[in-house]
Amino acid sequence: SAQDRRSTGVQTDDEGIEWKAAQSVPERYAAASHLNFTSFNQ
C-alpha cells in the first residue's frame, strides 16, 4: 500500500468506485451484459 503512488485515501476511493459503478448499471441492461469495472486514481 505504501509503495502505491496513489494516496491511501484514493486507494480506498477506487475500491468504493468499483463497487458503486457495478451497482449503477441500469437493471434493464444488467442481465444481458458482462461487465468489469476497474478504478485506478479515480
PDB file of all heavy atoms in Angstrom:
ATOM      1  N   SER A   1       0.827  -1.194   0.000  1.00  0.00           N
ATOM      2  CA  SER A   1       0.000   0.000   0.000  1.00  0.00           C
ATOM      3  C   SER A   1       0.865   1.249   0.000  1.00  0.00           C
ATOM      4  O   SER A   1       0.578   2.224  -0.689  1.00  0.00           O
ATOM      5  CB  SER A   1      -0.928  -0.001   1.224  1.00  0.00           C
ATOM      6  OG  SER A   1      -1.688   1.177   1.285  1.00  0.00           O
ATOM      7  N   ALA A   2       1.949   1.229   0.777  1.00  0.00           N
ATOM      8  CA  ALA A   2       2.834   2.381   0.864  1.00  0.00           C
ATOM      9  C   ALA A   2       3.564   2.618  -0.455  1.00  0.00           C
ATOM     10  O   ALA A   2       3.858   3.755  -0.824  1.00  0.00           O
ATOM     11  CB  ALA A   2       3.839   2.184   1.997  1.00  0.00           C
ATOM     12  N   GLN A   3       3.877   1.549  -1.188  1.00  0.00           N
ATOM     13  CA  GLN A   3       4.581   1.679  -2.453  1.00  0.00           C
ATOM     14  C   GLN A   3       3.665   2.173  -3.564  1.00  0.00           C
ATOM     15  O   GLN A   3       4.141   2.621  -4.597  1.00  0.00           O
ATOM     16  CB  GLN A   3       5.205   0.337  -2.845  1.00  0.00           C
ATOM     17  CG  GLN A   3       6.428  -0.031  -2.015  1.00  0.00           C
ATOM     18  CD  GLN A   3       7.058  -1.322  -2.486  1.00  0.00           C
ATOM     19  OE1 GLN A   3       6.379  -2.193  -2.998  1.00  0.00           O
ATOM     20  NE2 GLN A   3       8.347  -1.457  -2.303  1.00  0.00           N
ATOM     21  N   ASP A   4       2.365   2.075  -3.358  1.00  0.00           N
ATOM     22  CA  ASP A   4       1.408   2.565  -4.348  1.00  0.00           C
ATOM     23  C   ASP A   4       1.552   4.074  -4.480  1.00  0.00           C
ATOM     24  O   ASP A   4       1.655   4.793  -3.481  1.00  0.00           O
ATOM     25  CB  ASP A   4      -0.011   2.194  -3.900  1.00  0.00           C
ATOM     26  CG  ASP A   4      -1.017   2.262  -5.035  1.00  0.00           C
ATOM     27  OD1 ASP A   4      -1.026   3.278  -5.757  1.00  0.00           O
ATOM     28  OD2 ASP A   4      -1.788   1.302  -5.194  1.00  0.00           O
ATOM     29  N   ARG A   5       1.555   4.563  -5.700  1.00  0.00           N
ATOM     30  CA  ARG A   5       1.722   6.002  -5.919  1.00  0.00           C
ATOM     31  C   ARG A   5       0.437   6.780  -5.675  1.00  0.00           C
ATOM     32  O   ARG A   5       0.439   8.010  -5.720  1.00  0.00           O
ATOM     33  CB  ARG A   5       2.270   6.232  -7.328  1.00  0.00           C
ATOM     34  CG  ARG A   5       3.740   5.829  -7.434  1.00  0.00           C
ATOM     35  CD  ARG A   5       4.251   5.766  -8.848  1.00  0.00           C
ATOM     36  NE  ARG A   5       5.670   5.439  -8.853  1.00  0.00           N
ATOM     37  CZ  ARG A   5       6.335   5.027  -9.921  1.00  0.00           C
ATOM     38  NH1 ARG A   5       5.707   4.882 -11.083  1.00  0.00           N
ATOM     39  NH2 ARG A   5       7.622   4.743  -9.840  1.00  0.00           N
ATOM     40  N   ARG A   6      -0.649   6.089  -5.436  1.00  0.00           N
ATOM     41  CA  ARG A   6      -1.886   6.745  -5.006  1.00  0.00           C
ATOM     42  C   ARG A   6      -1.831   6.909  -3.493  1.00  0.00           C
ATOM     43  O   ARG A   6      -1.225   6.109  -2.795  1.00  0.00           O
ATOM     44  CB  ARG A   6      -3.109   5.907  -5.369  1.00  0.00           C
ATOM     45  CG  ARG A   6      -3.312   5.661  -6.850  1.00  0.00           C
ATOM     46  CD  ARG A   6      -4.396   4.613  -7.077  1.00  0.00           C
ATOM     47  NE  ARG A   6      -3.986   3.306  -6.582  1.00  0.00           N
ATOM     48  CZ  ARG A   6      -4.798   2.244  -6.507  1.00  0.00           C
ATOM     49  NH1 ARG A   6      -6.062   2.348  -6.888  1.00  0.00           N
ATOM     50  NH2 ARG A   6      -4.347   1.093  -6.050  1.00  0.00           N
ATOM     51  N   SER A   7      -2.499   7.920  -2.981  1.00  0.00           N
ATOM     52  CA  SER A   7      -2.610   8.046  -1.531  1.00  0.00           C
ATOM     53  C   SER A   7      -3.515   6.928  -1.015  1.00  0.00           C
ATOM     54  O   SER A   7      -4.289   6.337  -1.777  1.00  0.00           O
ATOM     55  CB  SER A   7      -3.200   9.405  -1.151  1.00  0.00           C
ATOM     56  OG  SER A   7      -4.565   9.482  -1.568  1.00  0.00           O
ATOM     57  N   THR A   8      -3.423   6.648   0.287  1.00  0.00           N
ATOM     58  CA  THR A   8      -4.274   5.594   0.852  1.00  0.00           C
ATOM     59  C   THR A   8      -5.751   5.961   0.709  1.00  0.00           C
ATOM     60  O   THR A   8      -6.599   5.101   0.521  1.00  0.00           O
ATOM     61  CB  THR A   8      -3.935   5.374   2.333  1.00  0.00           C
ATOM     62  OG1 THR A   8      -3.993   6.626   3.028  1.00  0.00           O
ATOM     63  CG2 THR A   8      -2.559   4.759   2.483  1.00  0.00           C
ATOM     64  N   GLY A   9      -6.057   7.269   0.772  1.00  0.00           N
ATOM     65  CA  GLY A   9      -7.441   7.704   0.598  1.00  0.00           C
ATOM     66  C   GLY A   9      -7.954   7.421  -0.797  1.00  0.00           C
ATOM     67  O   GLY A   9      -9.087   6.957  -0.971  1.00  0.00           O
ATOM     68  N   VAL A  10      -7.121   7.669  -1.804  1.00  0.00           N
ATOM     69  CA  VAL A  10      -7.528   7.401  -3.187  1.00  0.00           C
ATOM     70  C   VAL A  10      -7.648   5.904  -3.434  1.00  0.00           C
ATOM     71  O   VAL A  10      -8.545   5.450  -4.158  1.00  0.00           O
ATOM     72  CB  VAL A  10      -6.533   8.042  -4.180  1.00  0.00           C
ATOM     73  CG1 VAL A  10      -6.831   7.599  -5.615  1.00  0.00           C
ATOM     74  CG2 VAL A  10      -6.587   9.561  -4.085  1.00  0.00           C
ATOM     75  N   GLN A  11      -6.767   5.120  -2.831  1.00  0.00           N
ATOM     76  CA  GLN A  11      -6.869   3.665  -2.957  1.00  0.00           C
ATOM     77  C   GLN A  11      -8.226   3.180  -2.439  1.00  0.00           C
ATOM     78  O   GLN A  11      -8.881   2.342  -3.063  1.00  0.00           O
ATOM     79  CB  GLN A  11      -5.745   2.986  -2.182  1.00  0.00           C
ATOM     80  CG  GLN A  11      -4.361   3.205  -2.766  1.00  0.00           C
ATOM     81  CD  GLN A  11      -3.281   2.587  -1.904  1.00  0.00           C
ATOM     82  OE1 GLN A  11      -3.372   1.417  -1.503  1.00  0.00           O
ATOM     83  NE2 GLN A  11      -2.240   3.341  -1.596  1.00  0.00           N
ATOM     84  N   THR A  12      -8.632   3.723  -1.300  1.00  0.00           N
ATOM     85  CA  THR A  12      -9.926   3.370  -0.729  1.00  0.00           C
ATOM     86  C   THR A  12     -11.060   3.848  -1.629  1.00  0.00           C
ATOM     87  O   THR A  12     -12.043   3.125  -1.857  1.00  0.00           O
ATOM     88  CB  THR A  12     -10.083   3.975   0.678  1.00  0.00           C
ATOM     89  OG1 THR A  12      -9.023   3.505   1.515  1.00  0.00           O
ATOM     90  CG2 THR A  12     -11.420   3.594   1.297  1.00  0.00           C
ATOM     91  N   ASP A  13     -10.926   5.060  -2.151  1.00  0.00           N
ATOM     92  CA  ASP A  13     -11.945   5.597  -3.065  1.00  0.00           C
ATOM     93  C   ASP A  13     -12.102   4.705  -4.296  1.00  0.00           C
ATOM     94  O   ASP A  13     -13.223   4.453  -4.753  1.00  0.00           O
ATOM     95  CB  ASP A  13     -11.566   7.011  -3.516  1.00  0.00           C
ATOM     96  CG  ASP A  13     -11.718   8.043  -2.409  1.00  0.00           C
ATOM     97  OD1 ASP A  13     -12.397   7.728  -1.411  1.00  0.00           O
ATOM     98  OD2 ASP A  13     -11.156   9.146  -2.542  1.00  0.00           O
ATOM     99  N   ASP A  14     -10.987   4.235  -4.843  1.00  0.00           N
ATOM    100  CA  ASP A  14     -11.040   3.388  -6.037  1.00  0.00           C
ATOM    101  C   ASP A  14     -11.814   2.095  -5.774  1.00  0.00           C
ATOM    102  O   ASP A  14     -12.597   1.645  -6.620  1.00  0.00           O
ATOM    103  CB  ASP A  14      -9.621   3.059  -6.510  1.00  0.00           C
ATOM    104  CG  ASP A  14      -8.984   4.206  -7.272  1.00  0.00           C
ATOM    105  OD1 ASP A  14      -9.719   5.020  -7.854  1.00  0.00           O
ATOM    106  OD2 ASP A  14      -7.745   4.285  -7.308  1.00  0.00           O
ATOM    107  N   GLU A  15     -11.608   1.518  -4.605  1.00  0.00           N
ATOM    108  CA  GLU A  15     -12.347   0.300  -4.265  1.00  0.00           C
ATOM    109  C   GLU A  15     -13.838   0.581  -4.185  1.00  0.00           C
ATOM    110  O   GLU A  15     -14.667  -0.207  -4.675  1.00  0.00           O
ATOM    111  CB  GLU A  15     -11.835  -0.264  -2.938  1.00  0.00           C
ATOM    112  CG  GLU A  15     -10.410  -0.792  -2.997  1.00  0.00           C
ATOM    113  CD  GLU A  15      -9.928  -1.291  -1.649  1.00  0.00           C
ATOM    114  OE1 GLU A  15     -10.726  -1.258  -0.686  1.00  0.00           O
ATOM    115  OE2 GLU A  15      -8.759  -1.707  -1.560  1.00  0.00           O
ATOM    116  N   GLY A  16     -14.201   1.695  -3.579  1.00  0.00           N
ATOM    117  CA  GLY A  16     -15.608   2.063  -3.475  1.00  0.00           C
ATOM    118  C   GLY A  16     -16.218   2.383  -4.824  1.00  0.00           C
ATOM    119  O   GLY A  16     -17.371   2.029  -5.102  1.00  0.00           O
ATOM    120  N   ILE A  17     -15.452   3.048  -5.690  1.00  0.00           N
ATOM    121  CA  ILE A  17     -15.942   3.399  -7.017  1.00  0.00           C
ATOM    122  C   ILE A  17     -16.292   2.140  -7.815  1.00  0.00           C
ATOM    123  O   ILE A  17     -17.322   2.093  -8.501  1.00  0.00           O
ATOM    124  CB  ILE A  17     -14.883   4.248  -7.761  1.00  0.00           C
ATOM    125  CG1 ILE A  17     -14.863   5.674  -7.200  1.00  0.00           C
ATOM    126  CG2 ILE A  17     -15.160   4.278  -9.266  1.00  0.00           C
ATOM    127  CD1 ILE A  17     -13.712   6.518  -7.721  1.00  0.00           C
ATOM    128  N   GLU A  18     -15.447   1.136  -7.752  1.00  0.00           N
ATOM    129  CA  GLU A  18     -15.698  -0.094  -8.498  1.00  0.00           C
ATOM    130  C   GLU A  18     -17.018  -0.728  -8.068  1.00  0.00           C
ATOM    131  O   GLU A  18     -17.827  -1.153  -8.918  1.00  0.00           O
ATOM    132  CB  GLU A  18     -14.541  -1.075  -8.291  1.00  0.00           C
ATOM    133  CG  GLU A  18     -13.247  -0.622  -8.933  1.00  0.00           C
ATOM    134  CD  GLU A  18     -12.081  -1.546  -8.666  1.00  0.00           C
ATOM    135  OE1 GLU A  18     -12.237  -2.489  -7.847  1.00  0.00           O
ATOM    136  OE2 GLU A  18     -11.012  -1.353  -9.260  1.00  0.00           O
ATOM    137  N   TRP A  19     -17.234  -0.784  -6.757  1.00  0.00           N
ATOM    138  CA  TRP A  19     -18.472  -1.401  -6.252  1.00  0.00           C
ATOM    139  C   TRP A  19     -19.691  -0.563  -6.635  1.00  0.00           C
ATOM    140  O   TRP A  19     -20.699  -1.098  -7.104  1.00  0.00           O
ATOM    141  CB  TRP A  19     -18.389  -1.544  -4.729  1.00  0.00           C
ATOM    142  CG  TRP A  19     -19.577  -2.257  -4.161  1.00  0.00           C
ATOM    143  CD1 TRP A  19     -19.765  -3.598  -4.050  1.00  0.00           C
ATOM    144  CD2 TRP A  19     -20.768  -1.642  -3.627  1.00  0.00           C
ATOM    145  NE1 TRP A  19     -20.987  -3.874  -3.480  1.00  0.00           N
ATOM    146  CE2 TRP A  19     -21.624  -2.690  -3.213  1.00  0.00           C
ATOM    147  CE3 TRP A  19     -21.175  -0.317  -3.458  1.00  0.00           C
ATOM    148  CZ2 TRP A  19     -22.874  -2.449  -2.640  1.00  0.00           C
ATOM    149  CZ3 TRP A  19     -22.422  -0.090  -2.891  1.00  0.00           C
ATOM    150  CH2 TRP A  19     -23.250  -1.142  -2.487  1.00  0.00           C
ATOM    151  N   LYS A  20     -19.597   0.748  -6.459  1.00  0.00           N
ATOM    152  CA  LYS A  20     -20.734   1.621  -6.761  1.00  0.00           C
ATOM    153  C   LYS A  20     -21.057   1.633  -8.257  1.00  0.00           C
ATOM    154  O   LYS A  20     -22.219   1.678  -8.651  1.00  0.00           O
ATOM    155  CB  LYS A  20     -20.448   3.044  -6.272  1.00  0.00           C
ATOM    156  CG  LYS A  20     -20.395   3.172  -4.753  1.00  0.00           C
ATOM    157  CD  LYS A  20     -19.951   4.566  -4.340  1.00  0.00           C
ATOM    158  CE  LYS A  20     -19.782   4.686  -2.834  1.00  0.00           C
ATOM    159  NZ  LYS A  20     -19.256   6.017  -2.439  1.00  0.00           N
ATOM    160  N   ALA A  21     -20.025   1.600  -9.085  1.00  0.00           N
ATOM    161  CA  ALA A  21     -20.243   1.597 -10.531  1.00  0.00           C
ATOM    162  C   ALA A  21     -20.964   0.319 -10.968  1.00  0.00           C
ATOM    163  O   ALA A  21     -21.857   0.364 -11.821  1.00  0.00           O
ATOM    164  CB  ALA A  21     -18.911   1.728 -11.263  1.00  0.00           C
ATOM    165  N   ALA A  22     -20.588  -0.795 -10.365  1.00  0.00           N
ATOM    166  CA  ALA A  22     -21.260  -2.053 -10.693  1.00  0.00           C
ATOM    167  C   ALA A  22     -22.733  -2.012 -10.303  1.00  0.00           C
ATOM    168  O   ALA A  22     -23.591  -2.571 -10.993  1.00  0.00           O
ATOM    169  CB  ALA A  22     -20.550  -3.216  -9.989  1.00  0.00           C
ATOM    170  N   GLN A  23     -23.023  -1.321  -9.194  1.00  0.00           N
ATOM    171  CA  GLN A  23     -24.411  -1.204  -8.748  1.00  0.00           C
ATOM    172  C   GLN A  23     -25.202  -0.191  -9.565  1.00  0.00           C
ATOM    173  O   GLN A  23     -26.436  -0.176  -9.525  1.00  0.00           O
ATOM    174  CB  GLN A  23     -24.449  -0.786  -7.266  1.00  0.00           C
ATOM    175  CG  GLN A  23     -23.716  -1.726  -6.316  1.00  0.00           C
ATOM    176  CD  GLN A  23     -24.219  -3.148  -6.400  1.00  0.00           C
ATOM    177  OE1 GLN A  23     -25.409  -3.396  -6.322  1.00  0.00           O
ATOM    178  NE2 GLN A  23     -23.298  -4.100  -6.575  1.00  0.00           N
ATOM    179  N   SER A  24     -24.500   0.654 -10.322  1.00  0.00           N
ATOM    180  CA  SER A  24     -25.176   1.718 -11.070  1.00  0.00           C
ATOM    181  C   SER A  24     -25.727   1.265 -12.423  1.00  0.00           C
ATOM    182  O   SER A  24     -26.433   2.027 -13.089  1.00  0.00           O
ATOM    183  CB  SER A  24     -24.203   2.891 -11.300  1.00  0.00           C
ATOM    184  OG  SER A  24     -23.263   2.585 -12.322  1.00  0.00           O
ATOM    185  N   VAL A  25     -25.405   0.047 -12.834  1.00  0.00           N
ATOM    186  CA  VAL A  25     -25.856  -0.449 -14.145  1.00  0.00           C
ATOM    187  C   VAL A  25     -27.384  -0.517 -14.181  1.00  0.00           C
ATOM    188  O   VAL A  25     -27.992  -1.127 -13.296  1.00  0.00           O
ATOM    189  CB  VAL A  25     -25.268  -1.844 -14.438  1.00  0.00           C
ATOM    190  CG1 VAL A  25     -25.793  -2.380 -15.780  1.00  0.00           C
ATOM    191  CG2 VAL A  25     -23.746  -1.796 -14.438  1.00  0.00           C
ATOM    192  N   PRO A  26     -28.018   0.104 -15.167  1.00  0.00           N
ATOM    193  CA  PRO A  26     -29.481   0.053 -15.263  1.00  0.00           C
ATOM    194  C   PRO A  26     -29.977  -1.398 -15.296  1.00  0.00           C
ATOM    195  O   PRO A  26     -29.399  -2.237 -16.000  1.00  0.00           O
ATOM    196  CB  PRO A  26     -29.773   0.772 -16.582  1.00  0.00           C
ATOM    197  CG  PRO A  26     -28.620   1.707 -16.760  1.00  0.00           C
ATOM    198  CD  PRO A  26     -27.435   0.973 -16.206  1.00  0.00           C
ATOM    199  N   GLU A  27     -31.007  -1.664 -14.533  1.00  0.00           N
ATOM    200  CA  GLU A  27     -31.500  -3.036 -14.390  1.00  0.00           C
ATOM    201  C   GLU A  27     -31.869  -3.663 -15.729  1.00  0.00           C
ATOM    202  O   GLU A  27     -31.682  -4.860 -15.939  1.00  0.00           O
ATOM    203  CB  GLU A  27     -32.717  -3.037 -13.455  1.00  0.00           C
ATOM    204  CG  GLU A  27     -33.206  -4.428 -13.092  1.00  0.00           C
ATOM    205  CD  GLU A  27     -34.341  -4.383 -12.082  1.00  0.00           C
ATOM    206  OE1 GLU A  27     -34.597  -3.291 -11.528  1.00  0.00           O
ATOM    207  OE2 GLU A  27     -34.972  -5.435 -11.851  1.00  0.00           O
ATOM    208  N   ARG A  28     -32.375  -2.859 -16.656  1.00  0.00           N
ATOM    209  CA  ARG A  28     -32.825  -3.416 -17.938  1.00  0.00           C
ATOM    210  C   ARG A  28     -31.674  -3.931 -18.799  1.00  0.00           C
ATOM    211  O   ARG A  28     -31.889  -4.669 -19.754  1.00  0.00           O
ATOM    212  CB  ARG A  28     -33.624  -2.364 -18.711  1.00  0.00           C
ATOM    213  CG  ARG A  28     -32.860  -1.114 -19.108  1.00  0.00           C
ATOM    214  CD  ARG A  28     -33.786  -0.109 -19.760  1.00  0.00           C
ATOM    215  NE  ARG A  28     -33.116   1.128 -20.176  1.00  0.00           N
ATOM    216  CZ  ARG A  28     -32.854   2.135 -19.371  1.00  0.00           C
ATOM    217  NH1 ARG A  28     -33.196   2.061 -18.078  1.00  0.00           N
ATOM    218  NH2 ARG A  28     -32.257   3.222 -19.825  1.00  0.00           N
ATOM    219  N   TYR A  29     -30.433  -3.533 -18.460  1.00  0.00           N
ATOM    220  CA  TYR A  29     -29.278  -3.987 -19.230  1.00  0.00           C
ATOM    221  C   TYR A  29     -28.416  -4.989 -18.462  1.00  0.00           C
ATOM    222  O   TYR A  29     -27.564  -5.658 -19.066  1.00  0.00           O
ATOM    223  CB  TYR A  29     -28.396  -2.798 -19.606  1.00  0.00           C
ATOM    224  CG  TYR A  29     -29.103  -1.737 -20.420  1.00  0.00           C
ATOM    225  CD1 TYR A  29     -29.023  -0.393 -20.041  1.00  0.00           C
ATOM    226  CD2 TYR A  29     -29.843  -2.059 -21.557  1.00  0.00           C
ATOM    227  CE1 TYR A  29     -29.657   0.599 -20.795  1.00  0.00           C
ATOM    228  CE2 TYR A  29     -30.480  -1.085 -22.304  1.00  0.00           C
ATOM    229  CZ  TYR A  29     -30.389   0.240 -21.911  1.00  0.00           C
ATOM    230  OH  TYR A  29     -31.027   1.214 -22.646  1.00  0.00           O
ATOM    231  N   ALA A  30     -28.600  -5.059 -17.175  1.00  0.00           N
ATOM    232  CA  ALA A  30     -27.696  -5.839 -16.326  1.00  0.00           C
ATOM    233  C   ALA A  30     -27.649  -7.315 -16.699  1.00  0.00           C
ATOM    234  O   ALA A  30     -26.563  -7.907 -16.813  1.00  0.00           O
ATOM    235  CB  ALA A  30     -28.091  -5.682 -14.857  1.00  0.00           C
ATOM    236  N   ALA A  31     -28.816  -7.934 -16.906  1.00  0.00           N
ATOM    237  CA  ALA A  31     -28.865  -9.376 -17.138  1.00  0.00           C
ATOM    238  C   ALA A  31     -28.164  -9.783 -18.429  1.00  0.00           C
ATOM    239  O   ALA A  31     -27.550 -10.861 -18.510  1.00  0.00           O
ATOM    240  CB  ALA A  31     -30.311  -9.855 -17.157  1.00  0.00           C
ATOM    241  N   ALA A  32     -28.241  -8.946 -19.448  1.00  0.00           N
ATOM    242  CA  ALA A  32     -27.682  -9.295 -20.763  1.00  0.00           C
ATOM    243  C   ALA A  32     -26.247  -8.799 -20.941  1.00  0.00           C
ATOM    244  O   ALA A  32     -25.678  -8.951 -22.026  1.00  0.00           O
ATOM    245  CB  ALA A  32     -28.565  -8.726 -21.873  1.00  0.00           C
ATOM    246  N   SER A  33     -25.681  -8.223 -19.899  1.00  0.00           N
ATOM    247  CA  SER A  33     -24.337  -7.652 -20.018  1.00  0.00           C
ATOM    248  C   SER A  33     -23.338  -8.418 -19.164  1.00  0.00           C
ATOM    249  O   SER A  33     -23.676  -8.978 -18.122  1.00  0.00           O
ATOM    250  CB  SER A  33     -24.340  -6.183 -19.575  1.00  0.00           C
ATOM    251  OG  SER A  33     -25.224  -5.410 -20.354  1.00  0.00           O
ATOM    252  N   HIS A  34     -22.100  -8.420 -19.613  1.00  0.00           N
ATOM    253  CA  HIS A  34     -20.977  -8.921 -18.810  1.00  0.00           C
ATOM    254  C   HIS A  34     -20.011  -7.760 -18.665  1.00  0.00           C
ATOM    255  O   HIS A  34     -19.427  -7.298 -19.651  1.00  0.00           O
ATOM    256  CB  HIS A  34     -20.291 -10.102 -19.502  1.00  0.00           C
ATOM    257  CG  HIS A  34     -18.910 -10.360 -18.973  1.00  0.00           C
ATOM    258  ND1 HIS A  34     -17.775 -10.281 -19.759  1.00  0.00           N
ATOM    259  CD2 HIS A  34     -18.484 -10.680 -17.716  1.00  0.00           C
ATOM    260  CE1 HIS A  34     -16.712 -10.537 -19.014  1.00  0.00           C
ATOM    261  NE2 HIS A  34     -17.114 -10.781 -17.785  1.00  0.00           N
ATOM    262  N   LEU A  35     -19.862  -7.258 -17.433  1.00  0.00           N
ATOM    263  CA  LEU A  35     -19.121  -6.012 -17.220  1.00  0.00           C
ATOM    264  C   LEU A  35     -18.057  -6.159 -16.136  1.00  0.00           C
ATOM    265  O   LEU A  35     -18.249  -6.866 -15.143  1.00  0.00           O
ATOM    266  CB  LEU A  35     -20.082  -4.890 -16.831  1.00  0.00           C
ATOM    267  CG  LEU A  35     -21.170  -4.532 -17.859  1.00  0.00           C
ATOM    268  CD1 LEU A  35     -22.237  -3.668 -17.215  1.00  0.00           C
ATOM    269  CD2 LEU A  35     -20.546  -3.822 -19.054  1.00  0.00           C
ATOM    270  N   ASN A  36     -16.963  -5.462 -16.341  1.00  0.00           N
ATOM    271  CA  ASN A  36     -15.908  -5.356 -15.341  1.00  0.00           C
ATOM    272  C   ASN A  36     -15.606  -3.884 -15.113  1.00  0.00           C
ATOM    273  O   ASN A  36     -15.453  -3.121 -16.080  1.00  0.00           O
ATOM    274  CB  ASN A  36     -14.637  -6.069 -15.813  1.00  0.00           C
ATOM    275  CG  ASN A  36     -14.845  -7.545 -16.033  1.00  0.00           C
ATOM    276  OD1 ASN A  36     -15.237  -8.263 -15.120  1.00  0.00           O
ATOM    277  ND2 ASN A  36     -14.612  -8.000 -17.254  1.00  0.00           N
ATOM    278  N   PHE A  37     -15.525  -3.494 -13.852  1.00  0.00           N
ATOM    279  CA  PHE A  37     -15.227  -2.098 -13.511  1.00  0.00           C
ATOM    280  C   PHE A  37     -13.893  -2.054 -12.754  1.00  0.00           C
ATOM    281  O   PHE A  37     -13.748  -2.684 -11.714  1.00  0.00           O
ATOM    282  CB  PHE A  37     -16.337  -1.509 -12.642  1.00  0.00           C
ATOM    283  CG  PHE A  37     -17.678  -1.454 -13.330  1.00  0.00           C
ATOM    284  CD1 PHE A  37     -18.554  -2.525 -13.266  1.00  0.00           C
ATOM    285  CD2 PHE A  37     -18.051  -0.337 -14.043  1.00  0.00           C
ATOM    286  CE1 PHE A  37     -19.781  -2.479 -13.901  1.00  0.00           C
ATOM    287  CE2 PHE A  37     -19.281  -0.269 -14.680  1.00  0.00           C
ATOM    288  CZ  PHE A  37     -20.151  -1.353 -14.623  1.00  0.00           C
ATOM    289  N   THR A  38     -12.952  -1.306 -13.289  1.00  0.00           N
ATOM    290  CA  THR A  38     -11.636  -1.185 -12.670  1.00  0.00           C
ATOM    291  C   THR A  38     -11.308   0.291 -12.503  1.00  0.00           C
ATOM    292  O   THR A  38     -11.232   1.029 -13.492  1.00  0.00           O
ATOM    293  CB  THR A  38     -10.548  -1.848 -13.537  1.00  0.00           C
ATOM    294  OG1 THR A  38     -10.947  -3.181 -13.859  1.00  0.00           O
ATOM    295  CG2 THR A  38      -9.223  -1.878 -12.793  1.00  0.00           C
ATOM    296  N   SER A  39     -11.115   0.720 -11.266  1.00  0.00           N
ATOM    297  CA  SER A  39     -10.814   2.128 -10.992  1.00  0.00           C
ATOM    298  C   SER A  39      -9.380   2.266 -10.511  1.00  0.00           C
ATOM    299  O   SER A  39      -8.923   1.531  -9.629  1.00  0.00           O
ATOM    300  CB  SER A  39     -11.768   2.681  -9.932  1.00  0.00           C
ATOM    301  OG  SER A  39     -11.510   4.047  -9.676  1.00  0.00           O
ATOM    302  N   PHE A  40      -8.664   3.204 -11.108  1.00  0.00           N
ATOM    303  CA  PHE A  40      -7.300   3.498 -10.675  1.00  0.00           C
ATOM    304  C   PHE A  40      -7.116   5.006 -10.700  1.00  0.00           C
ATOM    305  O   PHE A  40      -7.248   5.644 -11.753  1.00  0.00           O
ATOM    306  CB  PHE A  40      -6.261   2.823 -11.580  1.00  0.00           C
ATOM    307  CG  PHE A  40      -4.878   2.820 -10.992  1.00  0.00           C
ATOM    308  CD1 PHE A  40      -4.411   1.712 -10.299  1.00  0.00           C
ATOM    309  CD2 PHE A  40      -4.054   3.926 -11.101  1.00  0.00           C
ATOM    310  CE1 PHE A  40      -3.147   1.710  -9.735  1.00  0.00           C
ATOM    311  CE2 PHE A  40      -2.793   3.948 -10.540  1.00  0.00           C
ATOM    312  CZ  PHE A  40      -2.343   2.830  -9.852  1.00  0.00           C
ATOM    313  N   ASN A  41      -6.820   5.569  -9.549  1.00  0.00           N
ATOM    314  CA  ASN A  41      -6.663   7.019  -9.391  1.00  0.00           C
ATOM    315  C   ASN A  41      -7.925   7.748  -9.846  1.00  0.00           C
ATOM    316  O   ASN A  41      -7.853   8.807 -10.470  1.00  0.00           O
ATOM    317  CB  ASN A  41      -5.433   7.525 -10.159  1.00  0.00           C
ATOM    318  CG  ASN A  41      -4.874   8.810  -9.583  1.00  0.00           C
ATOM    319  OD1 ASN A  41      -4.983   9.074  -8.390  1.00  0.00           O
ATOM    320  ND2 ASN A  41      -4.270   9.630 -10.436  1.00  0.00           N
ATOM    321  N   GLN A  42      -9.067   7.146  -9.536  1.00  0.00           N
ATOM    322  CA  GLN A  42     -10.400   7.699  -9.808  1.00  0.00           C
ATOM    323  C   GLN A  42     -10.714   7.790 -11.310  1.00  0.00           C
ATOM    324  O   GLN A  42     -11.625   8.494 -11.715  1.00  0.00           O
ATOM    325  CB  GLN A  42     -10.542   9.067  -9.137  1.00  0.00           C
ATOM    326  CG  GLN A  42     -10.436   8.981  -7.611  1.00  0.00           C
ATOM    327  CD  GLN A  42     -10.419  10.319  -6.925  1.00  0.00           C
ATOM    328  OE1 GLN A  42      -9.511  11.123  -7.130  1.00  0.00           O
ATOM    329  NE2 GLN A  42     -11.440  10.583  -6.125  1.00  0.00           N
TER     330      GLN A  42
END
